[in-house]
Amino acid sequence: MVKSCKALNCFIGAWVIINATLTNKTTDDPIPEWHSVHPGGISLYTQSGYSSFTITANDTTQSDFRPRELSLPAHPNDPDSRWALVGKHSLTAGGPFELSCEPGGHWGHHGPAGYMLNHYTTATLPSWVGVSVNSTYNFYNTCKIHVLLTSFGDLLETVYYRRLPDHTVPIPKTESEFSD
């Protein structure tokens, strides 16, 4: 359950990945085999306490990992090797999340800061279903930028996000409004 706090208000909405790195914490060496050199993706956070994300190889910097000839539904003669590239260089997951919300809020240098715990109930990678991931978050620029730091053993994932503009769509109140 997510308590109401300044950080929650900052998280709610859609975020685009602007940079991501995976680093060996012992040697400080980057891990280039990760999603890609400059992965692309989006994260969504809801006020009801759910989040989801998609991260993929970048269409521009690593287009070899993004076969443009593939589409859904898959065709029987699509090579498995082409679909394997998509699977190897992308991840989608979602589920409930929790935030640390101390009384009065915790502020970093430029905005809310604290800890987030994601409980993944669905994922394209089966080993992530049922996994909980703890991250440190920091907001900047009046909650328009945030950074997530996540440890995976000896590896540190650092992901920078930029808030996307609000795209609120009116919700129909009656069946006739829905069908128009």
Foldseek 3Di string as FASTA:
>chain_A
DEDDAQVLVLQAAKKKWAAKWKAQQVPRHTDQQALHHGWIKMKHAHSVFKIKMKIHYDCPPCVVLVDPVADPPGDPPDDVVNVVSRVSNMKMWMDGKYWDADVVADADPAGGKGKMKGQTCDMPPVVSHRDIWMWIKHAHDSSQKMWTWTDDDSMIMITIIGGDDDDDDDDDPDPVVVVD
